[in-house]
PDB file of all heavy atoms in Angstrom:
ATOM      1  N   GLU A   1       6.465 147.607 134.457  1.00  0.00           N
ATOM      2  CA  GLU A   1       5.908 148.892 134.038  1.00  0.00           C
ATOM      3  C   GLU A   1       6.967 149.824 133.452  1.00  0.00           C
ATOM      4  O   GLU A   1       6.676 150.645 132.598  1.00  0.00           O
ATOM      5  CB  GLU A   1       5.215 149.570 135.230  1.00  0.00           C
ATOM      6  CG  GLU A   1       3.943 148.847 135.659  1.00  0.00           C
ATOM      7  CD  GLU A   1       3.167 149.629 136.697  1.00  0.00           C
ATOM      8  OE1 GLU A   1       3.605 150.753 137.024  1.00  0.00           O
ATOM      9  OE2 GLU A   1       2.142 149.127 137.183  1.00  0.00           O
ATOM     10  N   GLU A   2       8.220 149.684 133.917  1.00  0.00           N
ATOM     11  CA  GLU A   2       9.241 150.601 133.408  1.00  0.00           C
ATOM     12  C   GLU A   2       9.575 150.333 131.947  1.00  0.00           C
ATOM     13  O   GLU A   2      10.208 151.143 131.287  1.00  0.00           O
ATOM     14  CB  GLU A   2      10.515 150.478 134.257  1.00  0.00           C
ATOM     15  CG  GLU A   2      11.148 149.097 134.282  1.00  0.00           C
ATOM     16  CD  GLU A   2      10.609 148.232 135.431  1.00  0.00           C
ATOM     17  OE1 GLU A   2       9.558 148.580 135.982  1.00  0.00           O
ATOM     18  OE2 GLU A   2      11.264 147.241 135.758  1.00  0.00           O
ATOM     19  N   THR A   3       9.146 149.185 131.398  1.00  0.00           N
ATOM     20  CA  THR A   3       9.399 148.877 129.993  1.00  0.00           C
ATOM     21  C   THR A   3       8.202 149.187 129.109  1.00  0.00           C
ATOM     22  O   THR A   3       8.269 149.036 127.899  1.00  0.00           O
ATOM     23  CB  THR A   3       9.759 147.391 129.826  1.00  0.00           C
ATOM     24  OG1 THR A   3       8.630 146.591 130.186  1.00  0.00           O
ATOM     25  CG2 THR A   3      10.943 147.019 130.708  1.00  0.00           C
ATOM     26  N   VAL A   4       7.076 149.596 129.710  1.00  0.00           N
ATOM     27  CA  VAL A   4       5.856 149.886 128.952  1.00  0.00           C
ATOM     28  C   VAL A   4       5.611 151.396 128.927  1.00  0.00           C
ATOM     29  O   VAL A   4       5.521 152.025 129.976  1.00  0.00           O
ATOM     30  CB  VAL A   4       4.635 149.174 129.577  1.00  0.00           C
ATOM     31  CG1 VAL A   4       3.375 149.521 128.803  1.00  0.00           C
ATOM     32  CG2 VAL A   4       4.856 147.671 129.580  1.00  0.00           C
ATOM     33  N   PRO A   5       5.497 151.994 127.726  1.00  0.00           N
ATOM     34  CA  PRO A   5       5.320 153.450 127.663  1.00  0.00           C
ATOM     35  C   PRO A   5       3.907 153.925 127.960  1.00  0.00           C
ATOM     36  O   PRO A   5       3.685 155.100 128.186  1.00  0.00           O
ATOM     37  CB  PRO A   5       5.705 153.769 126.222  1.00  0.00           C
ATOM     38  CG  PRO A   5       5.348 152.534 125.465  1.00  0.00           C
ATOM     39  CD  PRO A   5       5.625 151.387 126.396  1.00  0.00           C
ATOM     40  N   LEU A   6       2.922 153.026 127.954  1.00  0.00           N
ATOM     41  CA  LEU A   6       1.529 153.425 128.086  1.00  0.00           C
ATOM     42  C   LEU A   6       0.845 152.612 129.187  1.00  0.00           C
ATOM     43  O   LEU A   6       0.788 151.384 129.119  1.00  0.00           O
ATOM     44  CB  LEU A   6       0.802 153.207 126.750  1.00  0.00           C
ATOM     45  CG  LEU A   6      -0.396 154.105 126.412  1.00  0.00           C
ATOM     46  CD1 LEU A   6      -0.003 155.570 126.462  1.00  0.00           C
ATOM     47  CD2 LEU A   6      -0.950 153.741 125.053  1.00  0.00           C
ATOM     48  N   ILE A   7       0.351 153.321 130.210  1.00  0.00           N
ATOM     49  CA  ILE A   7      -0.286 152.679 131.359  1.00  0.00           C
ATOM     50  C   ILE A   7      -1.606 153.374 131.649  1.00  0.00           C
ATOM     51  O   ILE A   7      -1.709 154.604 131.552  1.00  0.00           O
ATOM     52  CB  ILE A   7       0.630 152.744 132.603  1.00  0.00           C
ATOM     53  CG1 ILE A   7       1.917 151.963 132.338  1.00  0.00           C
ATOM     54  CG2 ILE A   7      -0.076 152.196 133.837  1.00  0.00           C
ATOM     55  CD1 ILE A   7       2.950 152.101 133.425  1.00  0.00           C
ATOM     56  N   CYS A   8      -2.611 152.622 132.017  1.00  0.00           N
ATOM     57  CA  CYS A   8      -3.926 153.190 132.319  1.00  0.00           C
ATOM     58  C   CYS A   8      -3.868 154.040 133.582  1.00  0.00           C
ATOM     59  O   CYS A   8      -3.355 153.606 134.614  1.00  0.00           O
ATOM     60  CB  CYS A   8      -4.947 152.068 132.479  1.00  0.00           C
ATOM     61  SG  CYS A   8      -6.611 152.662 132.861  1.00  0.00           S
ATOM     62  N   GLY A   9      -4.414 155.255 133.488  1.00  0.00           N
ATOM     63  CA  GLY A   9      -4.501 156.140 134.644  1.00  0.00           C
ATOM     64  C   GLY A   9      -5.903 156.134 135.215  1.00  0.00           C
ATOM     65  O   GLY A   9      -6.528 155.078 135.361  1.00  0.00           O
ATOM     66  N   LYS A  10      -6.443 157.309 135.499  1.00  0.00           N
ATOM     67  CA  LYS A  10      -7.774 157.408 136.091  1.00  0.00           C
ATOM     68  C   LYS A  10      -8.847 157.003 135.075  1.00  0.00           C
ATOM     69  O   LYS A  10      -8.736 157.288 133.887  1.00  0.00           O
ATOM     70  CB  LYS A  10      -8.039 158.837 136.570  1.00  0.00           C
ATOM     71  CG  LYS A  10      -7.118 159.306 137.691  1.00  0.00           C
ATOM     72  CD  LYS A  10      -7.436 160.744 138.073  1.00  0.00           C
ATOM     73  CE  LYS A  10      -6.512 161.244 139.171  1.00  0.00           C
ATOM     74  NZ  LYS A  10      -6.787 162.661 139.527  1.00  0.00           N
ATOM     75  N   THR A  11      -9.899 156.365 135.564  1.00  0.00           N
ATOM     76  CA  THR A  11     -11.036 156.015 134.732  1.00  0.00           C
ATOM     77  C   THR A  11     -12.315 156.562 135.350  1.00  0.00           C
ATOM     78  O   THR A  11     -12.412 156.698 136.567  1.00  0.00           O
ATOM     79  CB  THR A  11     -11.178 154.487 134.564  1.00  0.00           C
ATOM     80  OG1 THR A  11     -11.456 153.901 135.843  1.00  0.00           O
ATOM     81  CG2 THR A  11      -9.918 153.878 133.983  1.00  0.00           C
ATOM     82  N   LYS A  12     -13.277 156.880 134.509  1.00  0.00           N
ATOM     83  CA  LYS A  12     -14.600 157.332 134.963  1.00  0.00           C
ATOM     84  C   LYS A  12     -15.652 156.674 134.100  1.00  0.00           C
ATOM     85  O   LYS A  12     -15.598 156.743 132.881  1.00  0.00           O
ATOM     86  CB  LYS A  12     -14.716 158.862 134.850  1.00  0.00           C
ATOM     87  CG  LYS A  12     -16.044 159.402 135.372  1.00  0.00           C
ATOM     88  CD  LYS A  12     -16.155 160.900 135.172  1.00  0.00           C
ATOM     89  CE  LYS A  12     -16.457 161.245 133.730  1.00  0.00           C
ATOM     90  NZ  LYS A  12     -16.774 162.684 133.535  1.00  0.00           N
ATOM     91  N   GLY A  13     -16.615 156.012 134.730  1.00  0.00           N
ATOM     92  CA  GLY A  13     -17.642 155.329 133.974  1.00  0.00           C
ATOM     93  C   GLY A  13     -17.173 153.974 133.482  1.00  0.00           C
ATOM     94  O   GLY A  13     -16.204 153.402 133.977  1.00  0.00           O
ATOM     95  N   VAL A  14     -17.863 153.468 132.476  1.00  0.00           N
ATOM     96  CA  VAL A  14     -17.582 152.128 131.954  1.00  0.00           C
ATOM     97  C   VAL A  14     -16.520 152.206 130.864  1.00  0.00           C
ATOM     98  O   VAL A  14     -16.739 152.801 129.809  1.00  0.00           O
ATOM     99  CB  VAL A  14     -18.863 151.477 131.389  1.00  0.00           C
ATOM    100  CG1 VAL A  14     -18.554 150.089 130.838  1.00  0.00           C
ATOM    101  CG2 VAL A  14     -19.928 151.395 132.469  1.00  0.00           C
ATOM    102  N   VAL A  15     -15.358 151.590 131.134  1.00  0.00           N
ATOM    103  CA  VAL A  15     -14.250 151.547 130.179  1.00  0.00           C
ATOM    104  C   VAL A  15     -13.841 150.085 130.009  1.00  0.00           C
ATOM    105  O   VAL A  15     -13.493 149.416 130.990  1.00  0.00           O
ATOM    106  CB  VAL A  15     -13.047 152.376 130.651  1.00  0.00           C
ATOM    107  CG1 VAL A  15     -11.939 152.342 129.601  1.00  0.00           C
ATOM    108  CG2 VAL A  15     -13.456 153.808 130.947  1.00  0.00           C
ATOM    109  N   ASN A  16     -13.883 149.592 128.789  1.00  0.00           N
ATOM    110  CA  ASN A  16     -13.559 148.193 128.519  1.00  0.00           C
ATOM    111  C   ASN A  16     -12.297 148.081 127.689  1.00  0.00           C
ATOM    112  O   ASN A  16     -11.927 149.010 126.957  1.00  0.00           O
ATOM    113  CB  ASN A  16     -14.715 147.504 127.773  1.00  0.00           C
ATOM    114  CG  ASN A  16     -15.993 147.473 128.590  1.00  0.00           C
ATOM    115  OD1 ASN A  16     -15.956 147.326 129.814  1.00  0.00           O
ATOM    116  ND2 ASN A  16     -17.125 147.619 127.922  1.00  0.00           N
ATOM    117  N   ILE A  17     -11.654 146.915 127.802  1.00  0.00           N
ATOM    118  CA  ILE A  17     -10.481 146.624 126.989  1.00  0.00           C
ATOM    119  C   ILE A  17     -10.633 145.232 126.412  1.00  0.00           C
ATOM    120  O   ILE A  17     -11.127 144.323 127.084  1.00  0.00           O
ATOM    121  CB  ILE A  17      -9.177 146.724 127.825  1.00  0.00           C
ATOM    122  CG1 ILE A  17      -7.956 146.394 126.947  1.00  0.00           C
ATOM    123  CG2 ILE A  17      -9.234 145.814 129.040  1.00  0.00           C
ATOM    124  CD1 ILE A  17      -6.630 146.624 127.652  1.00  0.00           C
ATOM    125  N   GLU A  18     -10.253 145.063 125.167  1.00  0.00           N
ATOM    126  CA  GLU A  18     -10.222 143.743 124.534  1.00  0.00           C
ATOM    127  C   GLU A  18      -8.769 143.418 124.223  1.00  0.00           C
ATOM    128  O   GLU A  18      -8.101 144.145 123.489  1.00  0.00           O
ATOM    129  CB  GLU A  18     -11.052 143.740 123.259  1.00  0.00           C
ATOM    130  CG  GLU A  18     -11.101 142.375 122.584  1.00  0.00           C
ATOM    131  CD  GLU A  18     -11.948 142.367 121.340  1.00  0.00           C
ATOM    132  OE1 GLU A  18     -13.066 142.917 121.388  1.00  0.00           O
ATOM    133  OE2 GLU A  18     -11.487 141.826 120.315  1.00  0.00           O
ATOM    134  N   ARG A  19      -8.282 142.310 124.801  1.00  0.00           N
ATOM    135  CA  ARG A  19      -6.883 141.905 124.613  1.00  0.00           C
ATOM    136  C   ARG A  19      -6.835 140.435 124.240  1.00  0.00           C
ATOM    137  O   ARG A  19      -7.354 139.587 124.960  1.00  0.00           O
ATOM    138  CB  ARG A  19      -6.077 142.169 125.878  1.00  0.00           C
ATOM    139  CG  ARG A  19      -4.623 141.699 125.814  1.00  0.00           C
ATOM    140  CD  ARG A  19      -3.869 142.085 127.069  1.00  0.00           C
ATOM    141  NE  ARG A  19      -3.706 143.526 127.173  1.00  0.00           N
ATOM    142  CZ  ARG A  19      -3.163 144.129 128.245  1.00  0.00           C
ATOM    143  NH1 ARG A  19      -2.784 143.415 129.292  1.00  0.00           N
ATOM    144  NH2 ARG A  19      -3.026 145.444 128.260  1.00  0.00           N
ATOM    145  N   LYS A  20      -6.257 140.137 123.098  1.00  0.00           N
ATOM    146  CA  LYS A  20      -6.124 138.763 122.612  1.00  0.00           C
ATOM    147  C   LYS A  20      -7.477 138.053 122.565  1.00  0.00           C
ATOM    148  O   LYS A  20      -7.605 136.882 122.940  1.00  0.00           O
ATOM    149  CB  LYS A  20      -5.133 137.987 123.480  1.00  0.00           C
ATOM    150  CG  LYS A  20      -3.721 138.570 123.444  1.00  0.00           C
ATOM    151  CD  LYS A  20      -2.749 137.764 124.280  1.00  0.00           C
ATOM    152  CE  LYS A  20      -1.351 138.361 124.172  1.00  0.00           C
ATOM    153  NZ  LYS A  20      -0.363 137.619 124.998  1.00  0.00           N
ATOM    154  N   GLY A  21      -8.505 138.818 122.154  1.00  0.00           N
ATOM    155  CA  GLY A  21      -9.825 138.242 121.996  1.00  0.00           C
ATOM    156  C   GLY A  21     -10.631 138.128 123.267  1.00  0.00           C
ATOM    157  O   GLY A  21     -11.767 137.644 123.240  1.00  0.00           O
ATOM    158  N   ILE A  22     -10.083 138.589 124.399  1.00  0.00           N
ATOM    159  CA  ILE A  22     -10.781 138.522 125.678  1.00  0.00           C
ATOM    160  C   ILE A  22     -11.108 139.934 126.142  1.00  0.00           C
ATOM    161  O   ILE A  22     -10.233 140.800 126.202  1.00  0.00           O
ATOM    162  CB  ILE A  22      -9.925 137.804 126.744  1.00  0.00           C
ATOM    163  CG1 ILE A  22      -9.600 136.380 126.279  1.00  0.00           C
ATOM    164  CG2 ILE A  22     -10.656 137.773 128.088  1.00  0.00           C
ATOM    165  CD1 ILE A  22      -8.671 135.635 127.208  1.00  0.00           C
ATOM    166  N   GLY A  23     -12.364 140.190 126.474  1.00  0.00           N
ATOM    167  CA  GLY A  23     -12.784 141.511 126.918  1.00  0.00           C
ATOM    168  C   GLY A  23     -13.034 141.558 128.408  1.00  0.00           C
ATOM    169  O   GLY A  23     -13.555 140.610 128.993  1.00  0.00           O
ATOM    170  N   TYR A  24     -12.644 142.667 129.024  1.00  0.00           N
ATOM    171  CA  TYR A  24     -12.873 142.854 130.454  1.00  0.00           C
ATOM    172  C   TYR A  24     -12.793 144.342 130.772  1.00  0.00           C
ATOM    173  O   TYR A  24     -12.433 145.166 129.910  1.00  0.00           O
ATOM    174  CB  TYR A  24     -11.870 142.059 131.304  1.00  0.00           C
ATOM    175  CG  TYR A  24     -10.412 142.327 130.982  1.00  0.00           C
ATOM    176  CD1 TYR A  24      -9.676 143.280 131.695  1.00  0.00           C
ATOM    177  CD2 TYR A  24      -9.764 141.618 129.980  1.00  0.00           C
ATOM    178  CE1 TYR A  24      -8.349 143.509 131.404  1.00  0.00           C
ATOM    179  CE2 TYR A  24      -8.429 141.852 129.684  1.00  0.00           C
ATOM    180  CZ  TYR A  24      -7.730 142.798 130.397  1.00  0.00           C
ATOM    181  OH  TYR A  24      -6.404 143.037 130.104  1.00  0.00           O
ATOM    182  N   THR A  25     -13.123 144.704 132.018  1.00  0.00           N
ATOM    183  CA  THR A  25     -13.110 146.103 132.432  1.00  0.00           C
ATOM    184  C   THR A  25     -11.679 146.584 132.643  1.00  0.00           C
ATOM    185  O   THR A  25     -10.884 145.922 133.313  1.00  0.00           O
ATOM    186  CB  THR A  25     -13.910 146.278 133.737  1.00  0.00           C
ATOM    187  OG1 THR A  25     -15.252 145.847 133.524  1.00  0.00           O
ATOM    188  CG2 THR A  25     -13.916 147.741 134.165  1.00  0.00           C
ATOM    189  N   LEU A  26     -11.365 147.736 132.072  1.00  0.00           N
ATOM    190  CA  LEU A  26     -10.030 148.298 132.206  1.00  0.00           C
ATOM    191  C   LEU A  26      -9.885 148.964 133.572  1.00  0.00           C
ATOM    192  O   LEU A  26     -10.726 149.768 133.973  1.00  0.00           O
ATOM    193  CB  LEU A  26      -9.771 149.314 131.092  1.00  0.00           C
ATOM    194  CG  LEU A  26      -8.381 149.963 131.059  1.00  0.00           C
ATOM    195  CD1 LEU A  26      -7.296 148.904 130.885  1.00  0.00           C
ATOM    196  CD2 LEU A  26      -8.300 150.986 129.931  1.00  0.00           C
ATOM    197  N   LYS A  27      -8.828 148.618 134.289  1.00  0.00           N
ATOM    198  CA  LYS A  27      -8.586 149.153 135.631  1.00  0.00           C
ATOM    199  C   LYS A  27      -7.340 150.048 135.636  1.00  0.00           C
ATOM    200  O   LYS A  27      -6.450 149.921 134.780  1.00  0.00           O
ATOM    201  CB  LYS A  27      -8.390 148.008 136.632  1.00  0.00           C
ATOM    202  CG  LYS A  27      -9.578 147.061 136.741  1.00  0.00           C
ATOM    203  CD  LYS A  27     -10.743 147.718 137.427  1.00  0.00           C
ATOM    204  CE  LYS A  27     -11.911 146.749 137.606  1.00  0.00           C
ATOM    205  NZ  LYS A  27     -11.592 145.628 138.488  1.00  0.00           N
ATOM    206  N   LYS A  28      -7.288 150.921 136.623  1.00  0.00           N
ATOM    207  CA  LYS A  28      -6.140 151.807 136.786  1.00  0.00           C
ATOM    208  C   LYS A  28      -4.864 150.998 136.986  1.00  0.00           C
ATOM    209  O   LYS A  28      -4.885 149.929 137.604  1.00  0.00           O
ATOM    210  CB  LYS A  28      -6.372 152.738 137.978  1.00  0.00           C
ATOM    211  CG  LYS A  28      -5.269 153.764 138.179  1.00  0.00           C
ATOM    212  CD  LYS A  28      -5.558 154.655 139.375  1.00  0.00           C
ATOM    213  CE  LYS A  28      -4.430 155.664 139.569  1.00  0.00           C
ATOM    214  NZ  LYS A  28      -4.641 156.507 140.762  1.00  0.00           N
ATOM    215  N   ASP A  29      -3.756 151.503 136.454  1.00  0.00           N
ATOM    216  CA  ASP A  29      -2.411 150.915 136.556  1.00  0.00           C
ATOM    217  C   ASP A  29      -2.224 149.689 135.664  1.00  0.00           C
ATOM    218  O   ASP A  29      -1.190 149.024 135.738  1.00  0.00           O
ATOM    219  CB  ASP A  29      -2.068 150.543 138.005  1.00  0.00           C
ATOM    220  CG  ASP A  29      -2.021 151.746 138.924  1.00  0.00           C
ATOM    221  OD1 ASP A  29      -1.664 152.841 138.433  1.00  0.00           O
ATOM    222  OD2 ASP A  29      -2.353 151.606 140.114  1.00  0.00           O
ATOM    223  N   THR A  30      -3.197 149.397 134.793  1.00  0.00           N
ATOM    224  CA  THR A  30      -3.021 148.282 133.857  1.00  0.00           C
ATOM    225  C   THR A  30      -2.058 148.690 132.748  1.00  0.00           C
ATOM    226  O   THR A  30      -2.294 149.687 132.062  1.00  0.00           O
ATOM    227  CB  THR A  30      -4.365 147.870 133.223  1.00  0.00           C
ATOM    228  OG1 THR A  30      -5.257 147.448 134.241  1.00  0.00           O
ATOM    229  CG2 THR A  30      -4.171 146.753 132.218  1.00  0.00           C
ATOM    230  N   PRO A  31      -0.941 147.941 132.549  1.00  0.00           N
ATOM    231  CA  PRO A  31      -0.036 148.255 131.436  1.00  0.00           C
ATOM    232  C   PRO A  31      -0.723 147.939 130.106  1.00  0.00           C
ATOM    233  O   PRO A  31      -1.371 146.899 129.972  1.00  0.00           O
ATOM    234  CB  PRO A  31       1.160 147.330 131.672  1.00  0.00           C
ATOM    235  CG  PRO A  31       1.026 146.859 133.087  1.00  0.00           C
ATOM    236  CD  PRO A  31      -0.441 146.832 133.367  1.00  0.00           C
ATOM    237  N   MET A  32      -0.610 148.818 129.148  1.00  0.00           N
ATOM    238  CA  MET A  32      -1.216 148.591 127.838  1.00  0.00           C
ATOM    239  C   MET A  32      -0.271 147.749 126.985  1.00  0.00           C
ATOM    240  O   MET A  32       0.927 147.677 127.236  1.00  0.00           O
ATOM    241  CB  MET A  32      -1.520 149.916 127.150  1.00  0.00           C
ATOM    242  CG  MET A  32      -2.349 150.883 127.998  1.00  0.00           C
ATOM    243  SD  MET A  32      -3.867 150.159 128.662  1.00  0.00           S
ATOM    244  CE  MET A  32      -4.758 149.844 127.145  1.00  0.00           C
ATOM    245  N   ALA A  33      -0.828 147.108 125.962  1.00  0.00           N
ATOM    246  CA  ALA A  33      -0.040 146.253 125.087  1.00  0.00           C
ATOM    247  C   ALA A  33      -0.464 146.443 123.645  1.00  0.00           C
ATOM    248  O   ALA A  33      -1.591 146.872 123.358  1.00  0.00           O
ATOM    249  CB  ALA A  33      -0.208 144.785 125.498  1.00  0.00           C
ATOM    250  N   GLU A  34       0.435 146.132 122.734  1.00  0.00           N
ATOM    251  CA  GLU A  34       0.136 146.246 121.315  1.00  0.00           C
ATOM    252  C   GLU A  34      -1.030 145.332 120.956  1.00  0.00           C
ATOM    253  O   GLU A  34      -1.073 144.169 121.366  1.00  0.00           O
ATOM    254  CB  GLU A  34       1.371 145.866 120.499  1.00  0.00           C
ATOM    255  CG  GLU A  34       1.242 146.130 119.011  1.00  0.00           C
ATOM    256  CD  GLU A  34       2.552 145.977 118.287  1.00  0.00           C
ATOM    257  OE1 GLU A  34       3.581 146.436 118.818  1.00  0.00           O
ATOM    258  OE2 GLU A  34       2.544 145.374 117.194  1.00  0.00           O
ATOM    259  N   GLY A  35      -1.991 145.865 120.212  1.00  0.00           N
ATOM    260  CA  GLY A  35      -3.169 145.096 119.826  1.00  0.00           C
ATOM    261  C   GLY A  35      -4.370 145.330 120.717  1.00  0.00           C
ATOM    262  O   GLY A  35      -5.476 144.868 120.397  1.00  0.00           O
ATOM    263  N   ASP A  36      -4.187 146.036 121.845  1.00  0.00           N
ATOM    264  CA  ASP A  36      -5.311 146.316 122.742  1.00  0.00           C
ATOM    265  C   ASP A  36      -6.329 147.218 122.059  1.00  0.00           C
ATOM    266  O   ASP A  36      -5.967 148.145 121.330  1.00  0.00           O
ATOM    267  CB  ASP A  36      -4.828 147.009 124.019  1.00  0.00           C
ATOM    268  CG  ASP A  36      -4.101 146.065 124.958  1.00  0.00           C
ATOM    269  OD1 ASP A  36      -4.135 144.852 124.714  1.00  0.00           O
ATOM    270  OD2 ASP A  36      -3.497 146.549 125.934  1.00  0.00           O
ATOM    271  N   LEU A  37      -7.612 146.945 122.318  1.00  0.00           N
ATOM    272  CA  LEU A  37      -8.692 147.806 121.864  1.00  0.00           C
ATOM    273  C   LEU A  37      -9.387 148.361 123.093  1.00  0.00           C
ATOM    274  O   LEU A  37      -9.943 147.606 123.888  1.00  0.00           O
ATOM    275  CB  LEU A  37      -9.695 147.033 121.002  1.00  0.00           C
ATOM    276  CG  LEU A  37     -10.911 147.827 120.507  1.00  0.00           C
ATOM    277  CD1 LEU A  37     -10.478 148.957 119.587  1.00  0.00           C
ATOM    278  CD2 LEU A  37     -11.906 146.920 119.797  1.00  0.00           C
ATOM    279  N   VAL A  38      -9.328 149.684 123.278  1.00  0.00           N
ATOM    280  CA  VAL A  38      -9.936 150.343 124.433  1.00  0.00           C
ATOM    281  C   VAL A  38     -11.222 151.001 123.981  1.00  0.00           C
ATOM    282  O   VAL A  38     -11.260 151.702 122.964  1.00  0.00           O
ATOM    283  CB  VAL A  38      -8.987 151.392 125.040  1.00  0.00           C
ATOM    284  CG1 VAL A  38      -9.629 152.057 126.252  1.00  0.00           C
ATOM    285  CG2 VAL A  38      -7.660 150.743 125.432  1.00  0.00           C
ATOM    286  N   GLU A  39     -12.290 150.794 124.762  1.00  0.00           N
ATOM    287  CA  GLU A  39     -13.603 151.342 124.418  1.00  0.00           C
ATOM    288  C   GLU A  39     -14.209 152.034 125.631  1.00  0.00           C
ATOM    289  O   GLU A  39     -14.278 151.455 126.714  1.00  0.00           O
ATOM    290  CB  GLU A  39     -14.541 150.236 123.943  1.00  0.00           C
ATOM    291  CG  GLU A  39     -15.944 150.718 123.600  1.00  0.00           C
ATOM    292  CD  GLU A  39     -16.900 149.583 123.316  1.00  0.00           C
ATOM    293  OE1 GLU A  39     -16.671 148.468 123.836  1.00  0.00           O
ATOM    294  OE2 GLU A  39     -17.877 149.814 122.590  1.00  0.00           O
TER     295      GLU A  39
END
């Protein structure tokens, strides 16, 4: 985490992430990565 500038904080409701063609629910403390699509 100390090498990643962007990390998921609090979420409310339905928040999804698509990473490398795979979609799933975004959870708190998930490190973000280049190419991620957050919805």
